[in-house]
Amino acid sequence: MDNVELAKQITVLQDIEAIKKLKAEYCDICDDDHNQDRIVTIFVRDGI
């Protein structure tokens, strides 16, 4: 395995971990009675 392929795999693993963390944060916010001040921090400003 060359460095380019290794870097791609590391990026994929980092992306997966970021998604897991975002999902956990969303669940925590839901458990916090859908706190509007917190929930807006995990969405983009111009999202639909």
PDB file of N, CA and C in Angstrom:
ATOM      1  N   MET A   1       0.843  -1.170   0.000  1.00  0.00           N
ATOM      2  CA  MET A   1       0.000   0.000   0.000  1.00  0.00           C
ATOM      3  C   MET A   1       0.896   1.244   0.000  1.00  0.00           C
ATOM      4  N   ASP A   2       0.625   2.130  -0.924  1.00  0.00           N
ATOM      5  CA  ASP A   2       1.438   3.346  -0.995  1.00  0.00           C
ATOM      6  C   ASP A   2       0.852   4.448  -0.100  1.00  0.00           C
ATOM      7  N   ASN A   3       1.594   5.523   0.029  1.00  0.00           N
ATOM      8  CA  ASN A   3       1.191   6.617   0.918  1.00  0.00           C
ATOM      9  C   ASN A   3      -0.114   7.279   0.493  1.00  0.00           C
ATOM     10  N   VAL A   4      -0.352   7.353  -0.801  1.00  0.00           N
ATOM     11  CA  VAL A   4      -1.583   7.979  -1.292  1.00  0.00           C
ATOM     12  C   VAL A   4      -2.793   7.156  -0.869  1.00  0.00           C
ATOM     13  N   GLU A   5      -2.710   5.852  -1.043  1.00  0.00           N
ATOM     14  CA  GLU A   5      -3.812   4.972  -0.652  1.00  0.00           C
ATOM     15  C   GLU A   5      -4.014   5.003   0.858  1.00  0.00           C
ATOM     16  N   LEU A   6      -2.945   5.008   1.597  1.00  0.00           N
ATOM     17  CA  LEU A   6      -3.028   5.081   3.052  1.00  0.00           C
ATOM     18  C   LEU A   6      -3.683   6.394   3.491  1.00  0.00           C
ATOM     19  N   ALA A   7      -3.320   7.480   2.860  1.00  0.00           N
ATOM     20  CA  ALA A   7      -3.911   8.782   3.182  1.00  0.00           C
ATOM     21  C   ALA A   7      -5.409   8.787   2.890  1.00  0.00           C
ATOM     22  N   LYS A   8      -5.822   8.158   1.797  1.00  0.00           N
ATOM     23  CA  LYS A   8      -7.246   8.070   1.459  1.00  0.00           C
ATOM     24  C   LYS A   8      -8.002   7.288   2.520  1.00  0.00           C
ATOM     25  N   GLN A   9      -7.430   6.174   2.959  1.00  0.00           N
ATOM     26  CA  GLN A   9      -8.085   5.358   3.974  1.00  0.00           C
ATOM     27  C   GLN A   9      -8.177   6.098   5.304  1.00  0.00           C
ATOM     28  N   ILE A  10      -7.147   6.826   5.649  1.00  0.00           N
ATOM     29  CA  ILE A  10      -7.171   7.614   6.884  1.00  0.00           C
ATOM     30  C   ILE A  10      -8.257   8.680   6.802  1.00  0.00           C
ATOM     31  N   THR A  11      -8.382   9.320   5.652  1.00  0.00           N
ATOM     32  CA  THR A  11      -9.415  10.335   5.466  1.00  0.00           C
ATOM     33  C   THR A  11     -10.801   9.735   5.632  1.00  0.00           C
ATOM     34  N   VAL A  12     -11.019   8.566   5.068  1.00  0.00           N
ATOM     35  CA  VAL A  12     -12.311   7.892   5.202  1.00  0.00           C
ATOM     36  C   VAL A  12     -12.606   7.603   6.673  1.00  0.00           C
ATOM     37  N   LEU A  13     -11.630   7.088   7.396  1.00  0.00           N
ATOM     38  CA  LEU A  13     -11.825   6.787   8.811  1.00  0.00           C
ATOM     39  C   LEU A  13     -12.092   8.052   9.621  1.00  0.00           C
ATOM     40  N   GLN A  14     -11.407   9.127   9.300  1.00  0.00           N
ATOM     41  CA  GLN A  14     -11.639  10.396   9.994  1.00  0.00           C
ATOM     42  C   GLN A  14     -13.041  10.929   9.698  1.00  0.00           C
ATOM     43  N   ASP A  15     -13.489  10.780   8.463  1.00  0.00           N
ATOM     44  CA  ASP A  15     -14.838  11.217   8.097  1.00  0.00           C
ATOM     45  C   ASP A  15     -15.893  10.412   8.849  1.00  0.00           C
ATOM     46  N   ILE A  16     -15.690   9.106   8.934  1.00  0.00           N
ATOM     47  CA  ILE A  16     -16.621   8.247   9.670  1.00  0.00           C
ATOM     48  C   ILE A  16     -16.683   8.664  11.136  1.00  0.00           C
ATOM     49  N   GLU A  17     -15.543   8.924  11.729  1.00  0.00           N
ATOM     50  CA  GLU A  17     -15.499   9.342  13.135  1.00  0.00           C
ATOM     51  C   GLU A  17     -16.204  10.682  13.329  1.00  0.00           C
ATOM     52  N   ALA A  18     -16.032  11.599  12.403  1.00  0.00           N
ATOM     53  CA  ALA A  18     -16.701  12.899  12.498  1.00  0.00           C
ATOM     54  C   ALA A  18     -18.218  12.738  12.427  1.00  0.00           C
ATOM     55  N   ILE A  19     -18.686  11.844  11.575  1.00  0.00           N
ATOM     56  CA  ILE A  19     -20.122  11.580  11.462  1.00  0.00           C
ATOM     57  C   ILE A  19     -20.649  10.979  12.758  1.00  0.00           C
ATOM     58  N   LYS A  20     -19.915  10.052  13.339  1.00  0.00           N
ATOM     59  CA  LYS A  20     -20.325   9.453  14.615  1.00  0.00           C
ATOM     60  C   LYS A  20     -20.433  10.508  15.707  1.00  0.00           C
ATOM     61  N   LYS A  21     -19.463  11.412  15.752  1.00  0.00           N
ATOM     62  CA  LYS A  21     -19.475  12.471  16.770  1.00  0.00           C
ATOM     63  C   LYS A  21     -20.651  13.421  16.557  1.00  0.00           C
ATOM     64  N   LEU A  22     -20.937  13.762  15.305  1.00  0.00           N
ATOM     65  CA  LEU A  22     -22.062  14.637  15.002  1.00  0.00           C
ATOM     66  C   LEU A  22     -23.379  13.974  15.394  1.00  0.00           C
ATOM     67  N   LYS A  23     -23.511  12.701  15.093  1.00  0.00           N
ATOM     68  CA  LYS A  23     -24.723  11.959  15.457  1.00  0.00           C
ATOM     69  C   LYS A  23     -24.897  11.927  16.975  1.00  0.00           C
ATOM     70  N   ALA A  24     -23.822  11.703  17.701  1.00  0.00           N
ATOM     71  CA  ALA A  24     -23.880  11.679  19.164  1.00  0.00           C
ATOM     72  C   ALA A  24     -24.275  13.052  19.706  1.00  0.00           C
ATOM     73  N   GLU A  25     -23.728  14.108  19.123  1.00  0.00           N
ATOM     74  CA  GLU A  25     -24.074  15.469  19.549  1.00  0.00           C
ATOM     75  C   GLU A  25     -25.551  15.743  19.294  1.00  0.00           C
ATOM     76  N   TYR A  26     -26.057  15.322  18.134  1.00  0.00           N
ATOM     77  CA  TYR A  26     -27.472  15.517  17.809  1.00  0.00           C
ATOM     78  C   TYR A  26     -28.358  14.785  18.817  1.00  0.00           C
ATOM     79  N   CYS A  27     -28.009  13.557  19.136  1.00  0.00           N
ATOM     80  CA  CYS A  27     -28.787  12.784  20.112  1.00  0.00           C
ATOM     81  C   CYS A  27     -28.759  13.451  21.479  1.00  0.00           C
ATOM     82  N   ASP A  28     -27.610  13.980  21.866  1.00  0.00           N
ATOM     83  CA  ASP A  28     -27.494  14.678  23.145  1.00  0.00           C
ATOM     84  C   ASP A  28     -28.385  15.920  23.158  1.00  0.00           C
ATOM     85  N   ILE A  29     -28.426  16.627  22.048  1.00  0.00           N
ATOM     86  CA  ILE A  29     -29.286  17.812  21.949  1.00  0.00           C
ATOM     87  C   ILE A  29     -30.753  17.407  22.040  1.00  0.00           C
ATOM     88  N   CYS A  30     -31.121  16.320  21.398  1.00  0.00           N
ATOM     89  CA  CYS A  30     -32.503  15.840  21.479  1.00  0.00           C
ATOM     90  C   CYS A  30     -32.867  15.494  22.920  1.00  0.00           C
ATOM     91  N   ASP A  31     -31.933  14.903  23.640  1.00  0.00           N
ATOM     92  CA  ASP A  31     -32.162  14.575  25.045  1.00  0.00           C
ATOM     93  C   ASP A  31     -32.210  15.826  25.914  1.00  0.00           C
ATOM     94  N   ASP A  32     -31.696  16.934  25.420  1.00  0.00           N
ATOM     95  CA  ASP A  32     -31.700  18.213  26.134  1.00  0.00           C
ATOM     96  C   ASP A  32     -32.936  19.023  25.736  1.00  0.00           C
ATOM     97  N   ASP A  33     -34.022  18.325  25.485  1.00  0.00           N
ATOM     98  CA  ASP A  33     -35.306  18.948  25.140  1.00  0.00           C
ATOM     99  C   ASP A  33     -35.221  19.791  23.871  1.00  0.00           C
ATOM    100  N   HIS A  34     -34.441  19.318  22.915  1.00  0.00           N
ATOM    101  CA  HIS A  34     -34.269  19.985  21.614  1.00  0.00           C
ATOM    102  C   HIS A  34     -33.873  21.455  21.782  1.00  0.00           C
ATOM    103  N   ASN A  35     -32.883  21.670  22.600  1.00  0.00           N
ATOM    104  CA  ASN A  35     -32.380  23.010  22.910  1.00  0.00           C
ATOM    105  C   ASN A  35     -32.035  23.750  21.616  1.00  0.00           C
ATOM    106  N   GLN A  36     -32.806  24.790  21.317  1.00  0.00           N
ATOM    107  CA  GLN A  36     -32.627  25.519  20.052  1.00  0.00           C
ATOM    108  C   GLN A  36     -31.277  26.214  19.954  1.00  0.00           C
ATOM    109  N   ASP A  37     -30.757  26.671  21.077  1.00  0.00           N
ATOM    110  CA  ASP A  37     -29.451  27.332  21.047  1.00  0.00           C
ATOM    111  C   ASP A  37     -28.341  26.359  20.671  1.00  0.00           C
ATOM    112  N   ARG A  38     -28.504  25.109  21.039  1.00  0.00           N
ATOM    113  CA  ARG A  38     -27.484  24.106  20.717  1.00  0.00           C
ATOM    114  C   ARG A  38     -27.689  23.510  19.333  1.00  0.00           C
ATOM    115  N   ILE A  39     -28.935  23.288  18.955  1.00  0.00           N
ATOM    116  CA  ILE A  39     -29.184  22.570  17.694  1.00  0.00           C
ATOM    117  C   ILE A  39     -28.736  23.384  16.475  1.00  0.00           C
ATOM    118  N   VAL A  40     -28.823  24.704  16.572  1.00  0.00           N
ATOM    119  CA  VAL A  40     -28.407  25.522  15.421  1.00  0.00           C
ATOM    120  C   VAL A  40     -26.905  25.449  15.188  1.00  0.00           C
ATOM    121  N   THR A  41     -26.159  25.018  16.182  1.00  0.00           N
ATOM    122  CA  THR A  41     -24.701  24.950  16.030  1.00  0.00           C
ATOM    123  C   THR A  41     -24.245  23.778  15.173  1.00  0.00           C
ATOM    124  N   ILE A  42     -25.127  22.816  14.917  1.00  0.00           N
ATOM    125  CA  ILE A  42     -24.702  21.644  14.144  1.00  0.00           C
ATOM    126  C   ILE A  42     -25.237  21.644  12.714  1.00  0.00           C
ATOM    127  N   PHE A  43     -25.938  22.701  12.329  1.00  0.00           N
ATOM    128  CA  PHE A  43     -26.453  22.813  10.972  1.00  0.00           C
ATOM    129  C   PHE A  43     -25.808  24.012  10.278  1.00  0.00           C
ATOM    130  N   VAL A  44     -25.718  23.942   8.966  1.00  0.00           N
ATOM    131  CA  VAL A  44     -25.178  25.070   8.209  1.00  0.00           C
ATOM    132  C   VAL A  44     -26.207  26.195   8.179  1.00  0.00           C
ATOM    133  N   ARG A  45     -25.731  27.414   8.070  1.00  0.00           N
ATOM    134  CA  ARG A  45     -26.628  28.578   8.106  1.00  0.00           C
ATOM    135  C   ARG A  45     -27.605  28.606   6.938  1.00  0.00           C
ATOM    136  N   ASP A  46     -27.153  28.244   5.754  1.00  0.00           N
ATOM    137  CA  ASP A  46     -28.004  28.359   4.571  1.00  0.00           C
ATOM    138  C   ASP A  46     -28.600  27.020   4.150  1.00  0.00           C
ATOM    139  N   GLY A  47     -28.694  26.089   5.075  1.00  0.00           N
ATOM    140  CA  GLY A  47     -29.267  24.775   4.762  1.00  0.00           C
ATOM    141  C   GLY A  47     -30.773  24.852   4.564  1.00  0.00           C
ATOM    142  N   ILE A  48     -31.271  23.917   3.826  1.00  0.00           N
ATOM    143  CA  ILE A  48     -32.710  23.872   3.559  1.00  0.00           C
ATOM    144  C   ILE A  48     -33.294  22.679   4.276  1.00  0.00           C
TER     145      ILE A  48
END
